[in-house]
mmCIF file of all heavy atoms, coordinates in Angstrom:
data_MODEL
# 
_entry.id   MODEL 
# 
loop_
_atom_site.group_PDB 
_atom_site.id 
_atom_site.type_symbol 
_atom_site.label_atom_id 
_atom_site.label_alt_id 
_atom_site.label_comp_id 
_atom_site.label_asym_id 
_atom_site.label_entity_id 
_atom_site.label_seq_id 
_atom_site.pdbx_PDB_ins_code 
_atom_site.Cartn_x 
_atom_site.Cartn_y 
_atom_site.Cartn_z 
_atom_site.occupancy 
_atom_site.B_iso_or_equiv 
_atom_site.pdbx_formal_charge 
_atom_site.auth_seq_id 
_atom_site.auth_comp_id 
_atom_site.auth_asym_id 
_atom_site.auth_atom_id 
_atom_site.pdbx_PDB_model_num 
ATOM 1   N N   . ASN A 1 1  ? 0.833  -1.212 0.026   1.00 0.00 ? 1  ASN A N   1 
ATOM 2   C CA  . ASN A 1 1  ? -0.054 -0.017 -0.052  1.00 0.00 ? 1  ASN A CA  1 
ATOM 3   C C   . ASN A 1 1  ? 0.926  1.271  -0.040  1.00 0.00 ? 1  ASN A C   1 
ATOM 4   O O   . ASN A 1 1  ? 0.662  2.139  0.769   1.00 0.00 ? 1  ASN A O   1 
ATOM 5   C CB  . ASN A 1 1  ? -0.937 0.045  1.250   1.00 0.00 ? 1  ASN A CB  1 
ATOM 6   C CG  . ASN A 1 1  ? -2.111 0.981  1.077   1.00 0.00 ? 1  ASN A CG  1 
ATOM 7   O OD1 . ASN A 1 1  ? -2.526 1.353  0.009   1.00 0.00 ? 1  ASN A OD1 1 
ATOM 8   N ND2 . ASN A 1 1  ? -2.534 1.588  2.241   1.00 0.00 ? 1  ASN A ND2 1 
ATOM 9   N N   . ILE A 1 2  ? 1.791  1.292  -0.901  1.00 0.00 ? 2  ILE A N   1 
ATOM 10  C CA  . ILE A 1 2  ? 2.764  2.465  -0.997  1.00 0.00 ? 2  ILE A CA  1 
ATOM 11  C C   . ILE A 1 2  ? 2.185  3.468  -2.095  1.00 0.00 ? 2  ILE A C   1 
ATOM 12  O O   . ILE A 1 2  ? 1.964  2.997  -3.243  1.00 0.00 ? 2  ILE A O   1 
ATOM 13  C CB  . ILE A 1 2  ? 4.144  1.987  -1.423  1.00 0.00 ? 2  ILE A CB  1 
ATOM 14  C CG1 . ILE A 1 2  ? 4.649  1.062  -0.315  1.00 0.00 ? 2  ILE A CG1 1 
ATOM 15  C CG2 . ILE A 1 2  ? 5.075  3.102  -1.604  1.00 0.00 ? 2  ILE A CG2 1 
ATOM 16  C CD1 . ILE A 1 2  ? 6.014  0.373  -0.747  1.00 0.00 ? 2  ILE A CD1 1 
ATOM 17  N N   . PRO A 1 3  ? 1.916  4.672  -1.727  1.00 0.00 ? 3  PRO A N   1 
ATOM 18  C CA  . PRO A 1 3  ? 1.482  5.565  -2.706  1.00 0.00 ? 3  PRO A CA  1 
ATOM 19  C C   . PRO A 1 3  ? 2.508  5.865  -3.847  1.00 0.00 ? 3  PRO A C   1 
ATOM 20  O O   . PRO A 1 3  ? 3.762  5.917  -3.559  1.00 0.00 ? 3  PRO A O   1 
ATOM 21  C CB  . PRO A 1 3  ? 1.030  6.877  -1.831  1.00 0.00 ? 3  PRO A CB  1 
ATOM 22  C CG  . PRO A 1 3  ? 1.884  6.728  -0.767  1.00 0.00 ? 3  PRO A CG  1 
ATOM 23  C CD  . PRO A 1 3  ? 2.044  5.263  -0.356  1.00 0.00 ? 3  PRO A CD  1 
ATOM 24  N N   . SER A 1 4  ? 2.097  6.271  -4.953  1.00 0.00 ? 4  SER A N   1 
ATOM 25  C CA  . SER A 1 4  ? 2.929  6.540  -6.071  1.00 0.00 ? 4  SER A CA  1 
ATOM 26  C C   . SER A 1 4  ? 3.952  7.678  -5.761  1.00 0.00 ? 4  SER A C   1 
ATOM 27  O O   . SER A 1 4  ? 5.036  7.658  -6.295  1.00 0.00 ? 4  SER A O   1 
ATOM 28  C CB  . SER A 1 4  ? 2.192  6.850  -7.375  1.00 0.00 ? 4  SER A CB  1 
ATOM 29  O OG  . SER A 1 4  ? 1.258  8.118  -7.143  1.00 0.00 ? 4  SER A OG  1 
ATOM 30  N N   . LYS A 1 5  ? 3.533  8.562  -4.952  1.00 0.00 ? 5  LYS A N   1 
ATOM 31  C CA  . LYS A 1 5  ? 4.440  9.887  -4.590  1.00 0.00 ? 5  LYS A CA  1 
ATOM 32  C C   . LYS A 1 5  ? 5.471  9.382  -3.823  1.00 0.00 ? 5  LYS A C   1 
ATOM 33  O O   . LYS A 1 5  ? 6.482  10.072 -3.521  1.00 0.00 ? 5  LYS A O   1 
ATOM 34  C CB  . LYS A 1 5  ? 3.648  10.744 -3.861  1.00 0.00 ? 5  LYS A CB  1 
ATOM 35  C CG  . LYS A 1 5  ? 3.072  10.615 -2.514  1.00 0.00 ? 5  LYS A CG  1 
ATOM 36  C CD  . LYS A 1 5  ? 2.209  11.653 -1.919  1.00 0.00 ? 5  LYS A CD  1 
ATOM 37  C CE  . LYS A 1 5  ? 1.699  11.239 -0.444  1.00 0.00 ? 5  LYS A CE  1 
ATOM 38  N NZ  . LYS A 1 5  ? 2.967  11.229 0.473   1.00 0.00 ? 5  LYS A NZ  1 
ATOM 39  N N   . ASN A 1 6  ? 5.473  8.196  -3.192  1.00 0.00 ? 6  ASN A N   1 
ATOM 40  C CA  . ASN A 1 6  ? 6.532  7.625  -2.283  1.00 0.00 ? 6  ASN A CA  1 
ATOM 41  C C   . ASN A 1 6  ? 7.408  6.548  -3.022  1.00 0.00 ? 6  ASN A C   1 
ATOM 42  O O   . ASN A 1 6  ? 8.213  5.804  -2.401  1.00 0.00 ? 6  ASN A O   1 
ATOM 43  C CB  . ASN A 1 6  ? 5.930  6.934  -1.093  1.00 0.00 ? 6  ASN A CB  1 
ATOM 44  C CG  . ASN A 1 6  ? 5.501  8.024  -0.085  1.00 0.00 ? 6  ASN A CG  1 
ATOM 45  O OD1 . ASN A 1 6  ? 5.369  9.255  -0.417  1.00 0.00 ? 6  ASN A OD1 1 
ATOM 46  N ND2 . ASN A 1 6  ? 4.892  7.604  1.025   1.00 0.00 ? 6  ASN A ND2 1 
ATOM 47  N N   . ILE A 1 7  ? 7.301  6.537  -4.329  1.00 0.00 ? 7  ILE A N   1 
ATOM 48  C CA  . ILE A 1 7  ? 8.102  5.529  -5.159  1.00 0.00 ? 7  ILE A CA  1 
ATOM 49  C C   . ILE A 1 7  ? 8.972  6.338  -5.991  1.00 0.00 ? 7  ILE A C   1 
ATOM 50  O O   . ILE A 1 7  ? 8.637  7.228  -6.787  1.00 0.00 ? 7  ILE A O   1 
ATOM 51  C CB  . ILE A 1 7  ? 7.132  4.693  -6.053  1.00 0.00 ? 7  ILE A CB  1 
ATOM 52  C CG1 . ILE A 1 7  ? 6.211  3.832  -5.114  1.00 0.00 ? 7  ILE A CG1 1 
ATOM 53  C CG2 . ILE A 1 7  ? 7.969  3.775  -6.868  1.00 0.00 ? 7  ILE A CG2 1 
ATOM 54  C CD1 . ILE A 1 7  ? 5.080  3.068  -5.894  1.00 0.00 ? 7  ILE A CD1 1 
ATOM 55  N N   . TYR A 1 8  ? 10.402 5.860  -5.899  1.00 0.00 ? 8  TYR A N   1 
ATOM 56  C CA  . TYR A 1 8  ? 11.350 6.684  -6.613  1.00 0.00 ? 8  TYR A CA  1 
ATOM 57  C C   . TYR A 1 8  ? 12.256 5.762  -7.448  1.00 0.00 ? 8  TYR A C   1 
ATOM 58  O O   . TYR A 1 8  ? 12.385 4.572  -7.198  1.00 0.00 ? 8  TYR A O   1 
ATOM 59  C CB  . TYR A 1 8  ? 12.247 7.370  -5.513  1.00 0.00 ? 8  TYR A CB  1 
ATOM 60  C CG  . TYR A 1 8  ? 11.490 8.435  -4.855  1.00 0.00 ? 8  TYR A CG  1 
ATOM 61  C CD1 . TYR A 1 8  ? 10.926 8.065  -3.592  1.00 0.00 ? 8  TYR A CD1 1 
ATOM 62  C CD2 . TYR A 1 8  ? 11.572 9.777  -5.158  1.00 0.00 ? 8  TYR A CD2 1 
ATOM 63  C CE1 . TYR A 1 8  ? 10.212 9.088  -2.819  1.00 0.00 ? 8  TYR A CE1 1 
ATOM 64  C CE2 . TYR A 1 8  ? 10.827 10.701 -4.410  1.00 0.00 ? 8  TYR A CE2 1 
ATOM 65  C CZ  . TYR A 1 8  ? 10.239 10.351 -3.253  1.00 0.00 ? 8  TYR A CZ  1 
ATOM 66  O OH  . TYR A 1 8  ? 9.524  11.273 -2.548  1.00 0.00 ? 8  TYR A OH  1 
ATOM 67  N N   . THR A 1 9  ? 12.761 6.324  -8.455  1.00 0.00 ? 9  THR A N   1 
ATOM 68  C CA  . THR A 1 9  ? 13.913 5.503  -9.221  1.00 0.00 ? 9  THR A CA  1 
ATOM 69  C C   . THR A 1 9  ? 15.259 6.169  -8.737  1.00 0.00 ? 9  THR A C   1 
ATOM 70  O O   . THR A 1 9  ? 15.307 7.101  -7.932  1.00 0.00 ? 9  THR A O   1 
ATOM 71  C CB  . THR A 1 9  ? 13.675 5.907  -10.647 1.00 0.00 ? 9  THR A CB  1 
ATOM 72  O OG1 . THR A 1 9  ? 13.954 7.231  -10.941 1.00 0.00 ? 9  THR A OG1 1 
ATOM 73  C CG2 . THR A 1 9  ? 12.331 5.606  -11.240 1.00 0.00 ? 9  THR A CG2 1 
ATOM 74  N N   . TYR A 1 10 ? 16.295 5.575  -9.256  1.00 0.00 ? 10 TYR A N   1 
ATOM 75  C CA  . TYR A 1 10 ? 17.636 6.035  -8.804  1.00 0.00 ? 10 TYR A CA  1 
ATOM 76  C C   . TYR A 1 10 ? 17.895 7.459  -9.306  1.00 0.00 ? 10 TYR A C   1 
ATOM 77  O O   . TYR A 1 10 ? 18.738 8.116  -8.825  1.00 0.00 ? 10 TYR A O   1 
ATOM 78  C CB  . TYR A 1 10 ? 18.738 4.938  -9.132  1.00 0.00 ? 10 TYR A CB  1 
ATOM 79  C CG  . TYR A 1 10 ? 18.507 3.641  -8.702  1.00 0.00 ? 10 TYR A CG  1 
ATOM 80  C CD1 . TYR A 1 10 ? 18.348 2.463  -9.454  1.00 0.00 ? 10 TYR A CD1 1 
ATOM 81  C CD2 . TYR A 1 10 ? 18.431 3.440  -7.255  1.00 0.00 ? 10 TYR A CD2 1 
ATOM 82  C CE1 . TYR A 1 10 ? 18.082 1.249  -8.865  1.00 0.00 ? 10 TYR A CE1 1 
ATOM 83  C CE2 . TYR A 1 10 ? 18.192 2.245  -6.689  1.00 0.00 ? 10 TYR A CE2 1 
ATOM 84  C CZ  . TYR A 1 10 ? 18.066 1.099  -7.514  1.00 0.00 ? 10 TYR A CZ  1 
ATOM 85  O OH  . TYR A 1 10 ? 17.861 -0.076 -6.944  1.00 0.00 ? 10 TYR A OH  1 
ATOM 86  N N   . GLU A 1 11 ? 17.212 7.795  -10.360 1.00 0.00 ? 11 GLU A N   1 
ATOM 87  C CA  . GLU A 1 11 ? 17.438 9.019  -10.994 1.00 0.00 ? 11 GLU A CA  1 
ATOM 88  C C   . GLU A 1 11 ? 16.626 10.162 -10.151 1.00 0.00 ? 11 GLU A C   1 
ATOM 89  O O   . GLU A 1 11 ? 17.149 11.289 -10.063 1.00 0.00 ? 11 GLU A O   1 
ATOM 90  C CB  . GLU A 1 11 ? 16.994 9.138  -12.443 1.00 0.00 ? 11 GLU A CB  1 
ATOM 91  C CG  . GLU A 1 11 ? 17.848 8.342  -13.447 1.00 0.00 ? 11 GLU A CG  1 
ATOM 92  C CD  . GLU A 1 11 ? 17.746 6.921  -13.345 1.00 0.00 ? 11 GLU A CD  1 
ATOM 93  O OE1 . GLU A 1 11 ? 16.647 6.346  -12.919 1.00 0.00 ? 11 GLU A OE1 1 
ATOM 94  O OE2 . GLU A 1 11 ? 18.711 6.089  -13.596 1.00 0.00 ? 11 GLU A OE2 1 
ATOM 95  N N   . THR A 1 12 ? 15.552 9.817  -9.691  1.00 0.00 ? 12 THR A N   1 
ATOM 96  C CA  . THR A 1 12 ? 14.676 10.675 -8.934  1.00 0.00 ? 12 THR A CA  1 
ATOM 97  C C   . THR A 1 12 ? 14.971 10.619 -7.466  1.00 0.00 ? 12 THR A C   1 
ATOM 98  O O   . THR A 1 12 ? 14.232 11.350 -6.650  1.00 0.00 ? 12 THR A O   1 
ATOM 99  C CB  . THR A 1 12 ? 13.139 10.555 -9.182  1.00 0.00 ? 12 THR A CB  1 
ATOM 100 O OG1 . THR A 1 12 ? 12.694 9.182  -8.659  1.00 0.00 ? 12 THR A OG1 1 
ATOM 101 C CG2 . THR A 1 12 ? 12.974 10.630 -10.699 1.00 0.00 ? 12 THR A CG2 1 
ATOM 102 N N   . TYR A 1 13 ? 15.840 9.881  -6.953  1.00 0.00 ? 13 TYR A N   1 
ATOM 103 C CA  . TYR A 1 13 ? 16.149 9.594  -5.482  1.00 0.00 ? 13 TYR A CA  1 
ATOM 104 C C   . TYR A 1 13 ? 16.235 10.840 -4.706  1.00 0.00 ? 13 TYR A C   1 
ATOM 105 O O   . TYR A 1 13 ? 15.822 10.929 -3.593  1.00 0.00 ? 13 TYR A O   1 
ATOM 106 C CB  . TYR A 1 13 ? 17.362 8.732  -5.483  1.00 0.00 ? 13 TYR A CB  1 
ATOM 107 C CG  . TYR A 1 13 ? 17.843 8.459  -4.095  1.00 0.00 ? 13 TYR A CG  1 
ATOM 108 C CD1 . TYR A 1 13 ? 17.209 7.802  -3.092  1.00 0.00 ? 13 TYR A CD1 1 
ATOM 109 C CD2 . TYR A 1 13 ? 19.256 8.713  -3.744  1.00 0.00 ? 13 TYR A CD2 1 
ATOM 110 C CE1 . TYR A 1 13 ? 17.684 7.561  -1.818  1.00 0.00 ? 13 TYR A CE1 1 
ATOM 111 C CE2 . TYR A 1 13 ? 19.818 8.415  -2.533  1.00 0.00 ? 13 TYR A CE2 1 
ATOM 112 C CZ  . TYR A 1 13 ? 18.959 7.808  -1.628  1.00 0.00 ? 13 TYR A CZ  1 
ATOM 113 O OH  . TYR A 1 13 ? 19.441 7.439  -0.377  1.00 0.00 ? 13 TYR A OH  1 
ATOM 114 N N   . ASP A 1 14 ? 16.957 11.783 -5.161  1.00 0.00 ? 14 ASP A N   1 
ATOM 115 C CA  . ASP A 1 14 ? 17.283 13.022 -4.531  1.00 0.00 ? 14 ASP A CA  1 
ATOM 116 C C   . ASP A 1 14 ? 15.953 13.774 -4.082  1.00 0.00 ? 14 ASP A C   1 
ATOM 117 O O   . ASP A 1 14 ? 15.956 14.567 -3.130  1.00 0.00 ? 14 ASP A O   1 
ATOM 118 C CB  . ASP A 1 14 ? 18.295 13.918 -5.163  1.00 0.00 ? 14 ASP A CB  1 
ATOM 119 C CG  . ASP A 1 14 ? 19.507 13.226 -5.611  1.00 0.00 ? 14 ASP A CG  1 
ATOM 120 O OD1 . ASP A 1 14 ? 20.253 12.988 -4.648  1.00 0.00 ? 14 ASP A OD1 1 
ATOM 121 O OD2 . ASP A 1 14 ? 19.754 12.962 -6.810  1.00 0.00 ? 14 ASP A OD2 1 
ATOM 122 N N   . GLN A 1 15 ? 14.881 13.589 -4.885  1.00 0.00 ? 15 GLN A N   1 
ATOM 123 C CA  . GLN A 1 15 ? 13.598 14.255 -4.659  1.00 0.00 ? 15 GLN A CA  1 
ATOM 124 C C   . GLN A 1 15 ? 12.899 13.753 -3.322  1.00 0.00 ? 15 GLN A C   1 
ATOM 125 O O   . GLN A 1 15 ? 12.022 14.370 -2.851  1.00 0.00 ? 15 GLN A O   1 
ATOM 126 C CB  . GLN A 1 15 ? 12.725 14.160 -5.803  1.00 0.00 ? 15 GLN A CB  1 
ATOM 127 C CG  . GLN A 1 15 ? 13.205 14.796 -7.084  1.00 0.00 ? 15 GLN A CG  1 
ATOM 128 C CD  . GLN A 1 15 ? 12.268 14.416 -8.405  1.00 0.00 ? 15 GLN A CD  1 
ATOM 129 O OE1 . GLN A 1 15 ? 11.166 13.979 -8.112  1.00 0.00 ? 15 GLN A OE1 1 
ATOM 130 N NE2 . GLN A 1 15 ? 12.837 14.545 -9.500  1.00 0.00 ? 15 GLN A NE2 1 
ATOM 131 N N   . ILE A 1 16 ? 13.548 12.665 -2.769  1.00 0.00 ? 16 ILE A N   1 
ATOM 132 C CA  . ILE A 1 16 ? 13.006 12.199 -1.410  1.00 0.00 ? 16 ILE A CA  1 
ATOM 133 C C   . ILE A 1 16 ? 13.060 13.351 -0.492  1.00 0.00 ? 16 ILE A C   1 
ATOM 134 O O   . ILE A 1 16 ? 12.489 13.198 0.689   1.00 0.00 ? 16 ILE A O   1 
ATOM 135 C CB  . ILE A 1 16 ? 13.773 10.936 -1.103  1.00 0.00 ? 16 ILE A CB  1 
ATOM 136 C CG1 . ILE A 1 16 ? 12.921 10.003 -0.231  1.00 0.00 ? 16 ILE A CG1 1 
ATOM 137 C CG2 . ILE A 1 16 ? 15.151 11.270 -0.389  1.00 0.00 ? 16 ILE A CG2 1 
ATOM 138 C CD1 . ILE A 1 16 ? 13.546 8.583  -0.250  1.00 0.00 ? 16 ILE A CD1 1 
ATOM 139 N N   . ALA A 1 17 ? 14.023 14.205 -0.618  1.00 0.00 ? 17 ALA A N   1 
ATOM 140 C CA  . ALA A 1 17 ? 14.123 15.439 0.299   1.00 0.00 ? 17 ALA A CA  1 
ATOM 141 C C   . ALA A 1 17 ? 12.799 16.014 0.597   1.00 0.00 ? 17 ALA A C   1 
ATOM 142 O O   . ALA A 1 17 ? 12.648 16.606 1.732   1.00 0.00 ? 17 ALA A O   1 
ATOM 143 C CB  . ALA A 1 17 ? 15.227 16.306 -0.183  1.00 0.00 ? 17 ALA A CB  1 
ATOM 144 N N   . ASP A 1 18 ? 11.901 16.137 -0.359  1.00 0.00 ? 18 ASP A N   1 
ATOM 145 C CA  . ASP A 1 18 ? 10.747 16.809 -0.245  1.00 0.00 ? 18 ASP A CA  1 
ATOM 146 C C   . ASP A 1 18 ? 9.575  16.021 0.273   1.00 0.00 ? 18 ASP A C   1 
ATOM 147 O O   . ASP A 1 18 ? 8.443  16.496 0.311   1.00 0.00 ? 18 ASP A O   1 
ATOM 148 C CB  . ASP A 1 18 ? 10.271 17.316 -1.597  1.00 0.00 ? 18 ASP A CB  1 
ATOM 149 C CG  . ASP A 1 18 ? 11.425 18.328 -2.212  1.00 0.00 ? 18 ASP A CG  1 
ATOM 150 O OD1 . ASP A 1 18 ? 11.873 19.054 -1.504  1.00 0.00 ? 18 ASP A OD1 1 
ATOM 151 O OD2 . ASP A 1 18 ? 11.632 18.186 -3.380  1.00 0.00 ? 18 ASP A OD2 1 
ATOM 152 N N   . ASN A 1 19 ? 9.777  14.771 0.805   1.00 0.00 ? 19 ASN A N   1 
ATOM 153 C CA  . ASN A 1 19 ? 8.803  13.862 1.205   1.00 0.00 ? 19 ASN A CA  1 
ATOM 154 C C   . ASN A 1 19 ? 8.817  13.630 2.849   1.00 0.00 ? 19 ASN A C   1 
ATOM 155 O O   . ASN A 1 19 ? 9.665  12.944 3.259   1.00 0.00 ? 19 ASN A O   1 
ATOM 156 C CB  . ASN A 1 19 ? 8.955  12.483 0.629   1.00 0.00 ? 19 ASN A CB  1 
ATOM 157 C CG  . ASN A 1 19 ? 7.646  11.544 0.675   1.00 0.00 ? 19 ASN A CG  1 
ATOM 158 O OD1 . ASN A 1 19 ? 6.951  11.730 1.604   1.00 0.00 ? 19 ASN A OD1 1 
ATOM 159 N ND2 . ASN A 1 19 ? 7.485  10.826 -0.295  1.00 0.00 ? 19 ASN A ND2 1 
ATOM 160 N N   . PRO A 1 20 ? 7.967  14.334 3.469   1.00 0.00 ? 20 PRO A N   1 
ATOM 161 C CA  . PRO A 1 20 ? 7.773  14.098 4.897   1.00 0.00 ? 20 PRO A CA  1 
ATOM 162 C C   . PRO A 1 20 ? 7.468  12.759 5.372   1.00 0.00 ? 20 PRO A C   1 
ATOM 163 O O   . PRO A 1 20 ? 7.561  12.369 6.613   1.00 0.00 ? 20 PRO A O   1 
ATOM 164 C CB  . PRO A 1 20 ? 6.794  15.207 5.341   1.00 0.00 ? 20 PRO A CB  1 
ATOM 165 C CG  . PRO A 1 20 ? 5.920  15.277 4.132   1.00 0.00 ? 20 PRO A CG  1 
ATOM 166 C CD  . PRO A 1 20 ? 6.834  15.038 2.888   1.00 0.00 ? 20 PRO A CD  1 
ATOM 167 N N   . ASP A 1 21 ? 6.901  11.879 4.472   1.00 0.00 ? 21 ASP A N   1 
ATOM 168 C CA  . ASP A 1 21 ? 6.580  10.545 4.822   1.00 0.00 ? 21 ASP A CA  1 
ATOM 169 C C   . ASP A 1 21 ? 7.745  9.591  5.120   1.00 0.00 ? 21 ASP A C   1 
ATOM 170 O O   . ASP A 1 21 ? 7.665  8.605  5.646   1.00 0.00 ? 21 ASP A O   1 
ATOM 171 C CB  . ASP A 1 21 ? 5.702  9.925  3.681   1.00 0.00 ? 21 ASP A CB  1 
ATOM 172 C CG  . ASP A 1 21 ? 4.332  10.551 3.546   1.00 0.00 ? 21 ASP A CG  1 
ATOM 173 O OD1 . ASP A 1 21 ? 3.966  11.248 4.478   1.00 0.00 ? 21 ASP A OD1 1 
ATOM 174 O OD2 . ASP A 1 21 ? 3.732  10.228 2.489   1.00 0.00 ? 21 ASP A OD2 1 
ATOM 175 N N   . ILE A 1 22 ? 8.887  10.089 4.636   1.00 0.00 ? 22 ILE A N   1 
ATOM 176 C CA  . ILE A 1 22 ? 10.095 9.202  4.777   1.00 0.00 ? 22 ILE A CA  1 
ATOM 177 C C   . ILE A 1 22 ? 11.066 9.881  5.635   1.00 0.00 ? 22 ILE A C   1 
ATOM 178 O O   . ILE A 1 22 ? 11.632 11.024 5.347   1.00 0.00 ? 22 ILE A O   1 
ATOM 179 C CB  . ILE A 1 22 ? 10.713 9.089  3.410   1.00 0.00 ? 22 ILE A CB  1 
ATOM 180 C CG1 . ILE A 1 22 ? 9.775  8.252  2.473   1.00 0.00 ? 22 ILE A CG1 1 
ATOM 181 C CG2 . ILE A 1 22 ? 12.052 8.296  3.516   1.00 0.00 ? 22 ILE A CG2 1 
ATOM 182 C CD1 . ILE A 1 22 ? 10.067 8.124  1.127   1.00 0.00 ? 22 ILE A CD1 1 
ATOM 183 N N   . ASP A 1 23 ? 11.457 9.299  6.756   1.00 0.00 ? 23 ASP A N   1 
ATOM 184 C CA  . ASP A 1 23 ? 12.480 9.829  7.712   1.00 0.00 ? 23 ASP A CA  1 
ATOM 185 C C   . ASP A 1 23 ? 13.899 9.105  7.580   1.00 0.00 ? 23 ASP A C   1 
ATOM 186 O O   . ASP A 1 23 ? 14.875 9.770  7.879   1.00 0.00 ? 23 ASP A O   1 
ATOM 187 C CB  . ASP A 1 23 ? 11.929 9.461  9.207   1.00 0.00 ? 23 ASP A CB  1 
ATOM 188 C CG  . ASP A 1 23 ? 10.520 10.154 9.417   1.00 0.00 ? 23 ASP A CG  1 
ATOM 189 O OD1 . ASP A 1 23 ? 10.462 11.368 9.464   1.00 0.00 ? 23 ASP A OD1 1 
ATOM 190 O OD2 . ASP A 1 23 ? 9.631  9.413  9.454   1.00 0.00 ? 23 ASP A OD2 1 
ATOM 191 N N   . VAL A 1 24 ? 13.798 7.865  7.052   1.00 0.00 ? 24 VAL A N   1 
ATOM 192 C CA  . VAL A 1 24 ? 15.002 7.013  7.098   1.00 0.00 ? 24 VAL A CA  1 
ATOM 193 C C   . VAL A 1 24 ? 15.019 6.324  5.693   1.00 0.00 ? 24 VAL A C   1 
ATOM 194 O O   . VAL A 1 24 ? 14.065 5.906  5.190   1.00 0.00 ? 24 VAL A O   1 
ATOM 195 C CB  . VAL A 1 24 ? 14.993 5.960  8.224   1.00 0.00 ? 24 VAL A CB  1 
ATOM 196 C CG1 . VAL A 1 24 ? 16.363 5.088  8.128   1.00 0.00 ? 24 VAL A CG1 1 
ATOM 197 C CG2 . VAL A 1 24 ? 14.751 6.531  9.581   1.00 0.00 ? 24 VAL A CG2 1 
ATOM 198 N N   . VAL A 1 25 ? 16.233 6.367  5.093   1.00 0.00 ? 25 VAL A N   1 
ATOM 199 C CA  . VAL A 1 25 ? 16.537 5.523  3.919   1.00 0.00 ? 25 VAL A CA  1 
ATOM 200 C C   . VAL A 1 25 ? 17.403 4.364  4.352   1.00 0.00 ? 25 VAL A C   1 
ATOM 201 O O   . VAL A 1 25 ? 18.317 4.495  5.084   1.00 0.00 ? 25 VAL A O   1 
ATOM 202 C CB  . VAL A 1 25 ? 17.082 6.321  2.715   1.00 0.00 ? 25 VAL A CB  1 
ATOM 203 C CG1 . VAL A 1 25 ? 16.219 7.289  2.102   1.00 0.00 ? 25 VAL A CG1 1 
ATOM 204 C CG2 . VAL A 1 25 ? 18.367 7.029  3.239   1.00 0.00 ? 25 VAL A CG2 1 
ATOM 205 N N   . TYR A 1 26 ? 17.024 3.226  3.859   1.00 0.00 ? 26 TYR A N   1 
ATOM 206 C CA  . TYR A 1 26 ? 17.819 2.003  4.145   1.00 0.00 ? 26 TYR A CA  1 
ATOM 207 C C   . TYR A 1 26 ? 18.467 1.477  2.799   1.00 0.00 ? 26 TYR A C   1 
ATOM 208 O O   . TYR A 1 26 ? 17.860 1.035  2.004   1.00 0.00 ? 26 TYR A O   1 
ATOM 209 C CB  . TYR A 1 26 ? 16.910 0.903  4.741   1.00 0.00 ? 26 TYR A CB  1 
ATOM 210 C CG  . TYR A 1 26 ? 17.651 -0.289 5.383   1.00 0.00 ? 26 TYR A CG  1 
ATOM 211 C CD1 . TYR A 1 26 ? 17.006 -0.923 6.451   1.00 0.00 ? 26 TYR A CD1 1 
ATOM 212 C CD2 . TYR A 1 26 ? 18.880 -0.700 4.945   1.00 0.00 ? 26 TYR A CD2 1 
ATOM 213 C CE1 . TYR A 1 26 ? 17.678 -1.927 7.143   1.00 0.00 ? 26 TYR A CE1 1 
ATOM 214 C CE2 . TYR A 1 26 ? 19.483 -1.788 5.544   1.00 0.00 ? 26 TYR A CE2 1 
ATOM 215 C CZ  . TYR A 1 26 ? 18.951 -2.443 6.649   1.00 0.00 ? 26 TYR A CZ  1 
ATOM 216 O OH  . TYR A 1 26 ? 19.570 -3.410 7.317   1.00 0.00 ? 26 TYR A OH  1 
ATOM 217 N N   . ILE A 1 27 ? 19.811 1.671  2.789   1.00 0.00 ? 27 ILE A N   1 
ATOM 218 C CA  . ILE A 1 27 ? 20.560 1.399  1.471   1.00 0.00 ? 27 ILE A CA  1 
ATOM 219 C C   . ILE A 1 27 ? 20.798 -0.112 1.454   1.00 0.00 ? 27 ILE A C   1 
ATOM 220 O O   . ILE A 1 27 ? 21.599 -0.745 2.133   1.00 0.00 ? 27 ILE A O   1 
ATOM 221 C CB  . ILE A 1 27 ? 21.891 2.058  1.512   1.00 0.00 ? 27 ILE A CB  1 
ATOM 222 C CG1 . ILE A 1 27 ? 21.632 3.635  1.812   1.00 0.00 ? 27 ILE A CG1 1 
ATOM 223 C CG2 . ILE A 1 27 ? 22.587 1.878  0.220   1.00 0.00 ? 27 ILE A CG2 1 
ATOM 224 C CD1 . ILE A 1 27 ? 20.704 4.247  0.944   1.00 0.00 ? 27 ILE A CD1 1 
ATOM 225 N N   . VAL A 1 28 ? 20.090 -0.842 0.473   1.00 0.00 ? 28 VAL A N   1 
ATOM 226 C CA  . VAL A 1 28 ? 20.254 -2.246 0.320   1.00 0.00 ? 28 VAL A CA  1 
ATOM 227 C C   . VAL A 1 28 ? 20.671 -2.561 -1.059  1.00 0.00 ? 28 VAL A C   1 
ATOM 228 O O   . VAL A 1 28 ? 20.025 -3.361 -1.836  1.00 0.00 ? 28 VAL A O   1 
ATOM 229 C CB  . VAL A 1 28 ? 18.827 -2.961 0.585   1.00 0.00 ? 28 VAL A CB  1 
ATOM 230 C CG1 . VAL A 1 28 ? 19.104 -4.367 1.045   1.00 0.00 ? 28 VAL A CG1 1 
ATOM 231 C CG2 . VAL A 1 28 ? 18.115 -2.226 1.663   1.00 0.00 ? 28 VAL A CG2 1 
ATOM 232 N N   . LEU A 1 29 ? 21.751 -1.896 -1.500  1.00 0.00 ? 29 LEU A N   1 
ATOM 233 C CA  . LEU A 1 29 ? 22.306 -2.024 -2.798  1.00 0.00 ? 29 LEU A CA  1 
ATOM 234 C C   . LEU A 1 29 ? 23.636 -2.757 -2.849  1.00 0.00 ? 29 LEU A C   1 
ATOM 235 O O   . LEU A 1 29 ? 24.206 -3.067 -1.727  1.00 0.00 ? 29 LEU A O   1 
ATOM 236 C CB  . LEU A 1 29 ? 22.529 -0.562 -3.442  1.00 0.00 ? 29 LEU A CB  1 
ATOM 237 C CG  . LEU A 1 29 ? 21.278 0.266  -3.585  1.00 0.00 ? 29 LEU A CG  1 
ATOM 238 C CD1 . LEU A 1 29 ? 21.695 1.732  -3.764  1.00 0.00 ? 29 LEU A CD1 1 
ATOM 239 C CD2 . LEU A 1 29 ? 20.495 -0.234 -4.770  1.00 0.00 ? 29 LEU A CD2 1 
# 
C-alpha cells in the first residue's frame, strides 16, 4: 500500500528530500 508519490527511481532519488513521509533511507544496494 505504497502511494505513487513515495516511489522513486535512482534518477529521482534526491527528490526524497521533499517527502515528509520518509524519515530514514535503508541502503540495500
